Amino acid sequence: MKIYTRTGDLGETGLFAGPRVGKDMPRIEVCGTIDELNAVLGTVRAEPLRAELDRLLDRVQNELFAIGAELATPDPAAQGVRWIGLEHVRALEADIDRHEPVLAPLEQFILPGGTRVAAMLHLARTVCRRAERRLVTLIRRSEEPISLVLMAYLNRLSDLLFVLARHENAQAGRPDGVWRKPSREEPRGG
């Protein structure tokens, strides 16, 4: 089987068990952003990680693939691809609750960065937030019902990625960078 089909050369793609649609449609935008998020998480997993974090990110990557499949299907319930439920959202909450207690309380805005893995987790968080925004657009514009559980999942996942980034910095003994309000004085170099 060849990887190229030439069927998308004119800016359209096929939905699973559905029609061909423009590649710039909201449904395809959210699927593409979820795919991008999954790729960023794959990049994080290419780094040396604690086994627990690698297992967690593996689970999340598989769940994101399931979300992509659901969103790429016009009638996911009828096609049997509605795989993500509230239990998956609760699992993300349990992951947050497991990692957050060792973190210093948030008293300031955190700058993305720190260790390489933490910075990459912050990048994943921002892509997750974009996926969430794209999903809002799809939900508002779609004539077909879209599971609101997917919205809760992405919202909770972005929170988890933030906590994991902070947790990685804490594990490495690296303090989170904090936002400092710019002064009204002329900026100085370095």
N, C-alpha and C. Protein backbone atom coordinates (compact mmCIF):
# COMPACT_ATOMS: atom_id res chain seq x y z
N MET A 1 0.84 -1.18 0.00
CA MET A 1 0.00 0.00 0.00
C MET A 1 0.89 1.25 0.00
N LYS A 2 0.63 2.15 -0.90
CA LYS A 2 1.39 3.40 -0.96
C LYS A 2 0.86 4.40 0.06
N ILE A 3 1.75 5.24 0.56
CA ILE A 3 1.35 6.26 1.54
C ILE A 3 0.60 7.40 0.86
N TYR A 4 0.90 7.65 -0.39
CA TYR A 4 0.21 8.75 -1.07
C TYR A 4 -0.93 8.20 -1.93
N THR A 5 -2.04 8.95 -1.89
CA THR A 5 -3.23 8.54 -2.66
C THR A 5 -3.62 9.59 -3.69
N ARG A 6 -3.10 10.78 -3.53
CA ARG A 6 -3.41 11.93 -4.38
C ARG A 6 -4.85 12.44 -4.20
N THR A 7 -5.61 11.83 -3.29
CA THR A 7 -7.01 12.25 -3.13
C THR A 7 -7.13 13.58 -2.38
N GLY A 8 -6.07 14.00 -1.71
CA GLY A 8 -6.12 15.27 -0.98
C GLY A 8 -5.46 16.42 -1.70
N ASP A 9 -5.08 16.20 -2.95
CA ASP A 9 -4.33 17.22 -3.68
C ASP A 9 -5.12 18.50 -3.94
N LEU A 10 -6.43 18.43 -3.85
CA LEU A 10 -7.26 19.61 -4.11
C LEU A 10 -7.82 20.22 -2.83
N GLY A 11 -7.20 19.87 -1.68
CA GLY A 11 -7.58 20.52 -0.43
C GLY A 11 -8.73 19.87 0.31
N GLU A 12 -9.00 18.61 0.00
CA GLU A 12 -10.06 17.90 0.71
C GLU A 12 -9.50 16.64 1.33
N THR A 13 -10.20 16.15 2.36
CA THR A 13 -9.84 14.90 3.00
C THR A 13 -11.12 14.16 3.33
N GLY A 14 -11.03 12.87 3.52
CA GLY A 14 -12.21 12.07 3.83
C GLY A 14 -12.37 11.85 5.31
N LEU A 15 -13.60 11.97 5.80
CA LEU A 15 -13.90 11.62 7.18
C LEU A 15 -14.10 10.11 7.25
N PHE A 16 -13.92 9.54 8.43
CA PHE A 16 -14.13 8.12 8.60
C PHE A 16 -15.61 7.81 8.42
N ALA A 17 -15.91 6.94 7.49
CA ALA A 17 -17.29 6.55 7.19
C ALA A 17 -18.15 7.78 6.90
N GLY A 18 -17.57 8.77 6.25
CA GLY A 18 -18.31 9.99 5.96
C GLY A 18 -17.85 10.63 4.66
N PRO A 19 -18.29 11.84 4.44
CA PRO A 19 -17.99 12.52 3.18
C PRO A 19 -16.58 13.11 3.16
N ARG A 20 -16.20 13.62 2.02
CA ARG A 20 -14.97 14.40 1.87
C ARG A 20 -15.30 15.83 2.28
N VAL A 21 -14.36 16.45 2.98
CA VAL A 21 -14.55 17.82 3.45
C VAL A 21 -13.27 18.61 3.21
N GLY A 22 -13.37 19.93 3.25
CA GLY A 22 -12.20 20.78 3.10
C GLY A 22 -11.24 20.61 4.27
N LYS A 23 -9.95 20.65 3.97
CA LYS A 23 -8.93 20.49 5.01
C LYS A 23 -8.90 21.66 5.99
N ASP A 24 -9.61 22.74 5.66
CA ASP A 24 -9.65 23.89 6.56
C ASP A 24 -10.95 23.94 7.37
N MET A 25 -11.75 22.90 7.32
CA MET A 25 -12.99 22.86 8.09
C MET A 25 -12.67 22.73 9.58
N PRO A 26 -13.53 23.24 10.47
CA PRO A 26 -13.25 23.16 11.91
C PRO A 26 -12.98 21.75 12.41
N ARG A 27 -13.67 20.76 11.88
CA ARG A 27 -13.45 19.38 12.32
C ARG A 27 -12.02 18.94 12.01
N ILE A 28 -11.53 19.29 10.84
CA ILE A 28 -10.18 18.90 10.44
C ILE A 28 -9.15 19.72 11.22
N GLU A 29 -9.46 20.99 11.48
CA GLU A 29 -8.55 21.83 12.27
C GLU A 29 -8.32 21.24 13.66
N VAL A 30 -9.39 20.80 14.32
CA VAL A 30 -9.22 20.25 15.66
C VAL A 30 -8.52 18.90 15.59
N CYS A 31 -8.83 18.08 14.59
CA CYS A 31 -8.13 16.80 14.45
C CYS A 31 -6.64 17.02 14.22
N GLY A 32 -6.31 17.99 13.38
CA GLY A 32 -4.90 18.29 13.10
C GLY A 32 -4.17 18.80 14.32
N THR A 33 -4.84 19.60 15.13
CA THR A 33 -4.20 20.15 16.33
C THR A 33 -4.00 19.05 17.37
N ILE A 34 -4.94 18.13 17.46
CA ILE A 34 -4.77 17.00 18.38
C ILE A 34 -3.62 16.11 17.90
N ASP A 35 -3.51 15.94 16.59
CA ASP A 35 -2.39 15.19 16.03
C ASP A 35 -1.07 15.89 16.36
N GLU A 36 -1.05 17.21 16.25
CA GLU A 36 0.16 17.98 16.59
C GLU A 36 0.50 17.80 18.06
N LEU A 37 -0.50 17.86 18.93
CA LEU A 37 -0.28 17.66 20.36
C LEU A 37 0.32 16.27 20.61
N ASN A 38 -0.22 15.27 19.93
CA ASN A 38 0.29 13.92 20.09
C ASN A 38 1.75 13.83 19.66
N ALA A 39 2.09 14.53 18.57
CA ALA A 39 3.48 14.54 18.10
C ALA A 39 4.40 15.24 19.10
N VAL A 40 3.94 16.32 19.72
CA VAL A 40 4.75 17.00 20.73
C VAL A 40 4.98 16.06 21.92
N LEU A 41 3.94 15.34 22.33
CA LEU A 41 4.11 14.39 23.43
C LEU A 41 5.07 13.27 23.04
N GLY A 42 5.04 12.85 21.78
CA GLY A 42 6.01 11.87 21.30
C GLY A 42 7.43 12.40 21.39
N THR A 43 7.60 13.69 21.12
CA THR A 43 8.91 14.32 21.23
C THR A 43 9.36 14.34 22.69
N VAL A 44 8.43 14.64 23.60
CA VAL A 44 8.76 14.59 25.03
C VAL A 44 9.23 13.19 25.39
N ARG A 45 8.52 12.18 24.90
CA ARG A 45 8.84 10.80 25.24
C ARG A 45 10.15 10.32 24.63
N ALA A 46 10.68 11.06 23.66
CA ALA A 46 11.99 10.71 23.09
C ALA A 46 13.12 11.11 24.03
N GLU A 47 12.81 11.91 25.04
CA GLU A 47 13.79 12.33 26.05
C GLU A 47 13.89 11.25 27.13
N PRO A 48 14.99 11.23 27.87
CA PRO A 48 15.06 10.31 29.02
C PRO A 48 14.02 10.73 30.07
N LEU A 49 13.12 9.82 30.41
CA LEU A 49 12.03 10.12 31.35
C LEU A 49 11.98 9.07 32.45
N ARG A 50 11.41 9.47 33.57
CA ARG A 50 11.07 8.49 34.59
C ARG A 50 10.04 7.53 33.99
N ALA A 51 10.09 6.27 34.36
CA ALA A 51 9.18 5.26 33.80
C ALA A 51 7.72 5.65 34.04
N GLU A 52 7.42 6.19 35.21
CA GLU A 52 6.04 6.57 35.53
C GLU A 52 5.53 7.64 34.56
N LEU A 53 6.35 8.64 34.28
CA LEU A 53 5.94 9.71 33.36
C LEU A 53 5.78 9.16 31.95
N ASP A 54 6.68 8.29 31.53
CA ASP A 54 6.58 7.70 30.20
C ASP A 54 5.28 6.91 30.05
N ARG A 55 4.94 6.11 31.07
CA ARG A 55 3.68 5.34 31.02
C ARG A 55 2.47 6.27 30.96
N LEU A 56 2.50 7.34 31.73
CA LEU A 56 1.39 8.30 31.73
C LEU A 56 1.24 8.94 30.36
N LEU A 57 2.33 9.38 29.77
CA LEU A 57 2.26 10.02 28.46
C LEU A 57 1.87 9.03 27.37
N ASP A 58 2.27 7.77 27.51
CA ASP A 58 1.84 6.74 26.57
C ASP A 58 0.32 6.60 26.61
N ARG A 59 -0.23 6.55 27.81
CA ARG A 59 -1.69 6.45 27.96
C ARG A 59 -2.39 7.64 27.33
N VAL A 60 -1.87 8.84 27.60
CA VAL A 60 -2.47 10.06 27.06
C VAL A 60 -2.39 10.06 25.53
N GLN A 61 -1.26 9.65 24.97
CA GLN A 61 -1.14 9.61 23.51
C GLN A 61 -2.19 8.69 22.90
N ASN A 62 -2.42 7.55 23.50
CA ASN A 62 -3.44 6.64 23.00
C ASN A 62 -4.84 7.23 23.13
N GLU A 63 -5.09 7.93 24.23
CA GLU A 63 -6.40 8.57 24.40
C GLU A 63 -6.59 9.69 23.39
N LEU A 64 -5.53 10.45 23.11
CA LEU A 64 -5.64 11.50 22.10
C LEU A 64 -5.92 10.92 20.71
N PHE A 65 -5.34 9.77 20.41
CA PHE A 65 -5.61 9.11 19.14
C PHE A 65 -7.10 8.74 19.06
N ALA A 66 -7.64 8.26 20.18
CA ALA A 66 -9.07 7.91 20.24
C ALA A 66 -9.94 9.15 20.05
N ILE A 67 -9.53 10.27 20.64
CA ILE A 67 -10.28 11.53 20.46
C ILE A 67 -10.25 11.94 19.00
N GLY A 68 -9.08 11.85 18.37
CA GLY A 68 -8.98 12.18 16.95
C GLY A 68 -9.89 11.32 16.11
N ALA A 69 -9.94 10.03 16.41
CA ALA A 69 -10.81 9.12 15.66
C ALA A 69 -12.27 9.50 15.84
N GLU A 70 -12.65 9.82 17.07
CA GLU A 70 -14.04 10.22 17.33
C GLU A 70 -14.40 11.48 16.57
N LEU A 71 -13.50 12.45 16.59
CA LEU A 71 -13.79 13.72 15.92
C LEU A 71 -13.75 13.60 14.40
N ALA A 72 -13.03 12.61 13.89
CA ALA A 72 -12.95 12.41 12.44
C ALA A 72 -14.12 11.57 11.92
N THR A 73 -15.04 11.24 12.79
CA THR A 73 -16.18 10.39 12.44
C THR A 73 -17.46 11.18 12.60
N PRO A 74 -18.25 11.36 11.53
CA PRO A 74 -19.49 12.13 11.64
C PRO A 74 -20.48 11.61 12.68
N ASP A 75 -20.63 10.31 12.83
CA ASP A 75 -21.54 9.74 13.83
C ASP A 75 -20.78 8.70 14.64
N PRO A 76 -19.96 9.17 15.59
CA PRO A 76 -19.05 8.25 16.29
C PRO A 76 -19.77 7.14 17.06
N ALA A 77 -20.92 7.43 17.64
CA ALA A 77 -21.63 6.40 18.40
C ALA A 77 -22.05 5.27 17.47
N ALA A 78 -22.59 5.61 16.32
CA ALA A 78 -23.04 4.60 15.36
C ALA A 78 -21.87 3.79 14.81
N GLN A 79 -20.71 4.42 14.70
CA GLN A 79 -19.52 3.74 14.15
C GLN A 79 -18.71 3.02 15.24
N GLY A 80 -19.11 3.16 16.49
CA GLY A 80 -18.41 2.49 17.58
C GLY A 80 -17.07 3.08 17.93
N VAL A 81 -16.92 4.39 17.74
CA VAL A 81 -15.63 5.03 18.06
C VAL A 81 -15.77 6.09 19.15
N ARG A 82 -16.80 5.99 19.97
CA ARG A 82 -16.92 6.90 21.11
C ARG A 82 -16.28 6.20 22.31
N TRP A 83 -14.95 6.37 22.42
CA TRP A 83 -14.17 5.63 23.39
C TRP A 83 -13.82 6.43 24.64
N ILE A 84 -13.85 7.73 24.58
CA ILE A 84 -13.42 8.56 25.72
C ILE A 84 -14.65 8.99 26.52
N GLY A 85 -14.60 8.68 27.82
CA GLY A 85 -15.71 9.02 28.70
C GLY A 85 -15.24 9.77 29.94
N LEU A 86 -16.18 10.00 30.84
CA LEU A 86 -15.85 10.74 32.07
C LEU A 86 -14.79 10.03 32.90
N GLU A 87 -14.69 8.71 32.78
CA GLU A 87 -13.67 7.99 33.55
C GLU A 87 -12.26 8.41 33.12
N HIS A 88 -12.11 8.81 31.87
CA HIS A 88 -10.80 9.28 31.39
C HIS A 88 -10.49 10.67 31.96
N VAL A 89 -11.50 11.50 32.08
CA VAL A 89 -11.33 12.83 32.70
C VAL A 89 -10.96 12.66 34.17
N ARG A 90 -11.65 11.75 34.84
CA ARG A 90 -11.35 11.49 36.26
C ARG A 90 -9.93 10.94 36.43
N ALA A 91 -9.47 10.14 35.49
CA ALA A 91 -8.10 9.62 35.57
C ALA A 91 -7.09 10.76 35.47
N LEU A 92 -7.35 11.72 34.59
CA LEU A 92 -6.46 12.89 34.50
C LEU A 92 -6.47 13.67 35.80
N GLU A 93 -7.63 13.81 36.42
CA GLU A 93 -7.72 14.51 37.70
C GLU A 93 -6.92 13.78 38.77
N ALA A 94 -6.98 12.45 38.76
CA ALA A 94 -6.21 11.66 39.73
C ALA A 94 -4.71 11.85 39.48
N ASP A 95 -4.32 11.94 38.20
CA ASP A 95 -2.91 12.19 37.87
C ASP A 95 -2.47 13.55 38.40
N ILE A 96 -3.31 14.55 38.25
CA ILE A 96 -3.00 15.89 38.77
C ILE A 96 -2.86 15.81 40.28
N ASP A 97 -3.83 15.17 40.94
CA ASP A 97 -3.82 15.08 42.40
C ASP A 97 -2.60 14.33 42.92
N ARG A 98 -2.06 13.41 42.14
CA ARG A 98 -0.89 12.64 42.55
C ARG A 98 0.40 13.47 42.43
N HIS A 99 0.46 14.37 41.45
CA HIS A 99 1.70 15.13 41.20
C HIS A 99 1.73 16.51 41.86
N GLU A 100 0.57 17.08 42.11
CA GLU A 100 0.52 18.46 42.59
C GLU A 100 0.98 18.67 44.04
N PRO A 101 0.74 17.73 44.96
CA PRO A 101 1.08 18.01 46.37
C PRO A 101 2.55 18.34 46.63
N VAL A 102 3.47 17.89 45.79
CA VAL A 102 4.88 18.18 46.04
C VAL A 102 5.29 19.55 45.51
N LEU A 103 4.39 20.25 44.84
CA LEU A 103 4.72 21.54 44.24
C LEU A 103 4.46 22.68 45.20
N ALA A 104 5.29 23.71 45.09
CA ALA A 104 5.06 24.92 45.87
C ALA A 104 3.75 25.56 45.41
N PRO A 105 3.02 26.16 46.33
CA PRO A 105 1.76 26.82 45.93
C PRO A 105 2.03 27.89 44.88
N LEU A 106 1.09 28.03 43.96
CA LEU A 106 1.21 29.06 42.92
C LEU A 106 0.88 30.42 43.53
N GLU A 107 1.84 31.31 43.48
CA GLU A 107 1.62 32.67 43.96
C GLU A 107 1.90 33.69 42.88
N GLN A 108 2.51 33.23 41.77
CA GLN A 108 2.85 34.10 40.65
C GLN A 108 2.61 33.33 39.37
N PHE A 109 2.57 34.05 38.25
CA PHE A 109 2.50 33.40 36.96
C PHE A 109 3.83 32.72 36.68
N ILE A 110 3.76 31.54 36.09
CA ILE A 110 4.95 30.74 35.78
C ILE A 110 5.32 30.95 34.32
N LEU A 111 6.60 31.16 34.06
CA LEU A 111 7.09 31.24 32.68
C LEU A 111 7.40 29.83 32.19
N PRO A 112 7.02 29.49 30.97
CA PRO A 112 7.38 28.18 30.43
C PRO A 112 8.90 28.04 30.37
N GLY A 113 9.39 26.91 30.81
CA GLY A 113 10.83 26.69 30.76
C GLY A 113 11.29 25.78 31.87
N GLY A 114 12.55 25.90 32.21
CA GLY A 114 13.16 25.04 33.21
C GLY A 114 13.98 23.98 32.53
N THR A 115 13.76 22.73 32.90
CA THR A 115 14.46 21.64 32.24
C THR A 115 13.92 21.48 30.82
N ARG A 116 14.66 20.74 30.02
CA ARG A 116 14.22 20.49 28.64
C ARG A 116 12.86 19.80 28.62
N VAL A 117 12.67 18.78 29.44
CA VAL A 117 11.39 18.06 29.48
C VAL A 117 10.28 18.99 29.95
N ALA A 118 10.54 19.78 30.98
CA ALA A 118 9.51 20.71 31.47
C ALA A 118 9.13 21.70 30.38
N ALA A 119 10.10 22.24 29.68
CA ALA A 119 9.80 23.20 28.60
C ALA A 119 8.97 22.54 27.51
N MET A 120 9.27 21.28 27.20
CA MET A 120 8.51 20.57 26.17
C MET A 120 7.09 20.27 26.65
N LEU A 121 6.94 19.98 27.93
CA LEU A 121 5.59 19.78 28.48
C LEU A 121 4.79 21.07 28.44
N HIS A 122 5.45 22.21 28.68
CA HIS A 122 4.76 23.50 28.55
C HIS A 122 4.33 23.72 27.10
N LEU A 123 5.19 23.36 26.15
CA LEU A 123 4.81 23.47 24.74
C LEU A 123 3.59 22.59 24.44
N ALA A 124 3.61 21.37 24.95
CA ALA A 124 2.46 20.47 24.76
C ALA A 124 1.20 21.11 25.36
N ARG A 125 1.34 21.74 26.52
CA ARG A 125 0.18 22.40 27.15
C ARG A 125 -0.40 23.47 26.25
N THR A 126 0.45 24.26 25.60
CA THR A 126 -0.07 25.34 24.75
C THR A 126 -0.75 24.77 23.50
N VAL A 127 -0.23 23.69 22.97
CA VAL A 127 -0.89 23.04 21.82
C VAL A 127 -2.22 22.44 22.26
N CYS A 128 -2.26 21.89 23.47
CA CYS A 128 -3.50 21.34 24.02
C CYS A 128 -4.55 22.44 24.16
N ARG A 129 -4.15 23.61 24.63
CA ARG A 129 -5.09 24.73 24.75
C ARG A 129 -5.61 25.15 23.38
N ARG A 130 -4.75 25.11 22.37
CA ARG A 130 -5.21 25.44 21.01
C ARG A 130 -6.21 24.40 20.52
N ALA A 131 -5.93 23.12 20.80
CA ALA A 131 -6.87 22.06 20.43
C ALA A 131 -8.22 22.29 21.10
N GLU A 132 -8.18 22.71 22.34
CA GLU A 132 -9.41 23.01 23.07
C GLU A 132 -10.17 24.16 22.41
N ARG A 133 -9.46 25.20 22.01
CA ARG A 133 -10.12 26.33 21.33
C ARG A 133 -10.72 25.89 19.99
N ARG A 134 -9.98 25.05 19.26
CA ARG A 134 -10.50 24.55 17.98
C ARG A 134 -11.74 23.68 18.21
N LEU A 135 -11.76 22.93 19.30
CA LEU A 135 -12.92 22.10 19.62
C LEU A 135 -14.13 22.98 19.95
N VAL A 136 -13.92 24.07 20.67
CA VAL A 136 -15.01 25.01 20.94
C VAL A 136 -15.61 25.50 19.63
N THR A 137 -14.77 25.87 18.69
CA THR A 137 -15.25 26.32 17.38
C THR A 137 -16.08 25.24 16.71
N LEU A 138 -15.58 24.02 16.72
CA LEU A 138 -16.32 22.91 16.10
C LEU A 138 -17.67 22.71 16.77
N ILE A 139 -17.68 22.69 18.09
CA ILE A 139 -18.94 22.49 18.82
C ILE A 139 -19.94 23.58 18.48
N ARG A 140 -19.48 24.82 18.42
CA ARG A 140 -20.40 25.93 18.13
C ARG A 140 -20.92 25.93 16.69
N ARG A 141 -20.13 25.39 15.77
CA ARG A 141 -20.51 25.44 14.35
C ARG A 141 -21.13 24.14 13.83
N SER A 142 -20.96 23.07 14.56
CA SER A 142 -21.40 21.77 14.06
C SER A 142 -22.90 21.59 14.22
N GLU A 143 -23.51 21.02 13.21
CA GLU A 143 -24.92 20.67 13.30
C GLU A 143 -25.07 19.30 13.95
N GLU A 144 -24.00 18.54 14.01
CA GLU A 144 -24.00 17.23 14.65
C GLU A 144 -23.54 17.40 16.10
N PRO A 145 -24.08 16.60 17.01
CA PRO A 145 -23.63 16.70 18.40
C PRO A 145 -22.19 16.20 18.55
N ILE A 146 -21.42 16.96 19.31
CA ILE A 146 -20.03 16.60 19.63
C ILE A 146 -20.00 16.38 21.14
N SER A 147 -19.37 15.31 21.58
CA SER A 147 -19.31 14.99 23.00
C SER A 147 -18.60 16.09 23.78
N LEU A 148 -19.28 16.63 24.78
CA LEU A 148 -18.66 17.65 25.63
C LEU A 148 -17.62 17.05 26.56
N VAL A 149 -17.61 15.73 26.70
CA VAL A 149 -16.58 15.07 27.49
C VAL A 149 -15.21 15.33 26.88
N LEU A 150 -15.15 15.44 25.56
CA LEU A 150 -13.87 15.72 24.90
C LEU A 150 -13.34 17.08 25.31
N MET A 151 -14.24 18.04 25.49
CA MET A 151 -13.84 19.37 25.94
C MET A 151 -13.27 19.29 27.36
N ALA A 152 -13.96 18.57 28.23
CA ALA A 152 -13.48 18.42 29.61
C ALA A 152 -12.13 17.71 29.62
N TYR A 153 -11.97 16.70 28.76
CA TYR A 153 -10.72 15.96 28.70
C TYR A 153 -9.56 16.90 28.33
N LEU A 154 -9.73 17.67 27.26
CA LEU A 154 -8.64 18.56 26.83
C LEU A 154 -8.36 19.64 27.88
N ASN A 155 -9.40 20.13 28.52
CA ASN A 155 -9.22 21.15 29.56
C ASN A 155 -8.40 20.56 30.71
N ARG A 156 -8.76 19.36 31.14
CA ARG A 156 -8.04 18.73 32.24
C ARG A 156 -6.63 18.33 31.81
N LEU A 157 -6.47 17.89 30.56
CA LEU A 157 -5.15 17.50 30.09
C LEU A 157 -4.19 18.69 30.11
N SER A 158 -4.67 19.87 29.71
CA SER A 158 -3.77 21.03 29.74
C SER A 158 -3.35 21.35 31.18
N ASP A 159 -4.28 21.17 32.13
CA ASP A 159 -3.92 21.37 33.54
C ASP A 159 -2.86 20.35 33.97
N LEU A 160 -3.05 19.10 33.55
CA LEU A 160 -2.09 18.06 33.90
C LEU A 160 -0.71 18.36 33.31
N LEU A 161 -0.66 18.80 32.07
CA LEU A 161 0.63 19.10 31.44
C LEU A 161 1.34 20.24 32.17
N PHE A 162 0.59 21.22 32.65
CA PHE A 162 1.17 22.31 33.45
C PHE A 162 1.76 21.76 34.74
N VAL A 163 1.00 20.91 35.42
CA VAL A 163 1.47 20.32 36.68
C VAL A 163 2.69 19.44 36.42
N LEU A 164 2.65 18.65 35.35
CA LEU A 164 3.80 17.78 35.04
C LEU A 164 5.05 18.59 34.74
N ALA A 165 4.90 19.71 34.04
CA ALA A 165 6.06 20.56 33.75
C ALA A 165 6.66 21.09 35.05
N ARG A 166 5.80 21.57 35.93
CA ARG A 166 6.29 22.05 37.22
C ARG A 166 6.92 20.91 38.03
N HIS A 167 6.30 19.74 37.97
CA HIS A 167 6.80 18.58 38.70
C HIS A 167 8.20 18.17 38.20
N GLU A 168 8.39 18.22 36.89
CA GLU A 168 9.70 17.88 36.33
C GLU A 168 10.76 18.87 36.82
N ASN A 169 10.42 20.15 36.85
CA ASN A 169 11.37 21.13 37.37
C ASN A 169 11.67 20.87 38.84
N ALA A 170 10.64 20.57 39.63
CA ALA A 170 10.84 20.30 41.06
C ALA A 170 11.72 19.07 41.26
N GLN A 171 11.47 18.01 40.47
CA GLN A 171 12.27 16.79 40.58
C GLN A 171 13.74 17.06 40.27
N ALA A 172 13.99 17.99 39.36
CA ALA A 172 15.37 18.32 38.96
C ALA A 172 15.98 19.38 39.87
N GLY A 173 15.23 19.87 40.86
CA GLY A 173 15.73 20.91 41.74
C GLY A 173 15.84 22.26 41.04
N ARG A 174 15.07 22.43 40.01
CA ARG A 174 15.11 23.66 39.21
C ARG A 174 13.85 24.49 39.49
N PRO A 175 14.00 25.67 40.03
CA PRO A 175 12.80 26.47 40.32
C PRO A 175 12.10 26.90 39.03
N ASP A 176 10.79 27.01 39.11
CA ASP A 176 10.04 27.55 37.97
C ASP A 176 10.42 29.01 37.77
N GLY A 177 10.51 29.42 36.52
CA GLY A 177 10.70 30.84 36.24
C GLY A 177 9.40 31.56 36.52
N VAL A 178 9.48 32.72 37.13
CA VAL A 178 8.26 33.47 37.43
C VAL A 178 8.23 34.76 36.62
N TRP A 179 7.04 35.17 36.29
CA TRP A 179 6.84 36.40 35.53
C TRP A 179 7.10 37.60 36.42
N ARG A 180 7.87 38.54 35.87
CA ARG A 180 8.12 39.80 36.55
C ARG A 180 7.51 40.91 35.71
N LYS A 181 6.71 41.71 36.34
CA LYS A 181 6.08 42.81 35.62
C LYS A 181 7.16 43.77 35.12
N PRO A 182 7.09 44.16 33.83
CA PRO A 182 8.10 45.09 33.31
C PRO A 182 8.03 46.43 34.05
N SER A 183 9.22 47.00 34.27
CA SER A 183 9.24 48.32 34.91
C SER A 183 9.01 49.38 33.85
N ARG A 184 8.76 50.57 34.28
CA ARG A 184 8.54 51.67 33.34
C ARG A 184 9.86 52.35 32.97
N GLU A 185 10.94 51.86 33.59
CA GLU A 185 12.25 52.39 33.25
C GLU A 185 12.70 51.78 31.92
N GLU A 186 13.69 52.43 31.33
CA GLU A 186 14.21 51.92 30.08
C GLU A 186 14.87 50.56 30.30
N PRO A 187 14.52 49.55 29.47
CA PRO A 187 15.10 48.22 29.63
C PRO A 187 16.63 48.26 29.45
N ARG A 188 17.28 47.43 30.25
CA ARG A 188 18.74 47.31 30.17
C ARG A 188 19.08 45.93 29.61
N GLY A 189 20.14 45.85 28.87
CA GLY A 189 20.58 44.57 28.29
C GLY A 189 21.01 43.59 29.36
N GLY A 190 20.89 42.27 29.03
CA GLY A 190 21.38 41.19 29.87
C GLY A 190 20.77 41.18 31.19
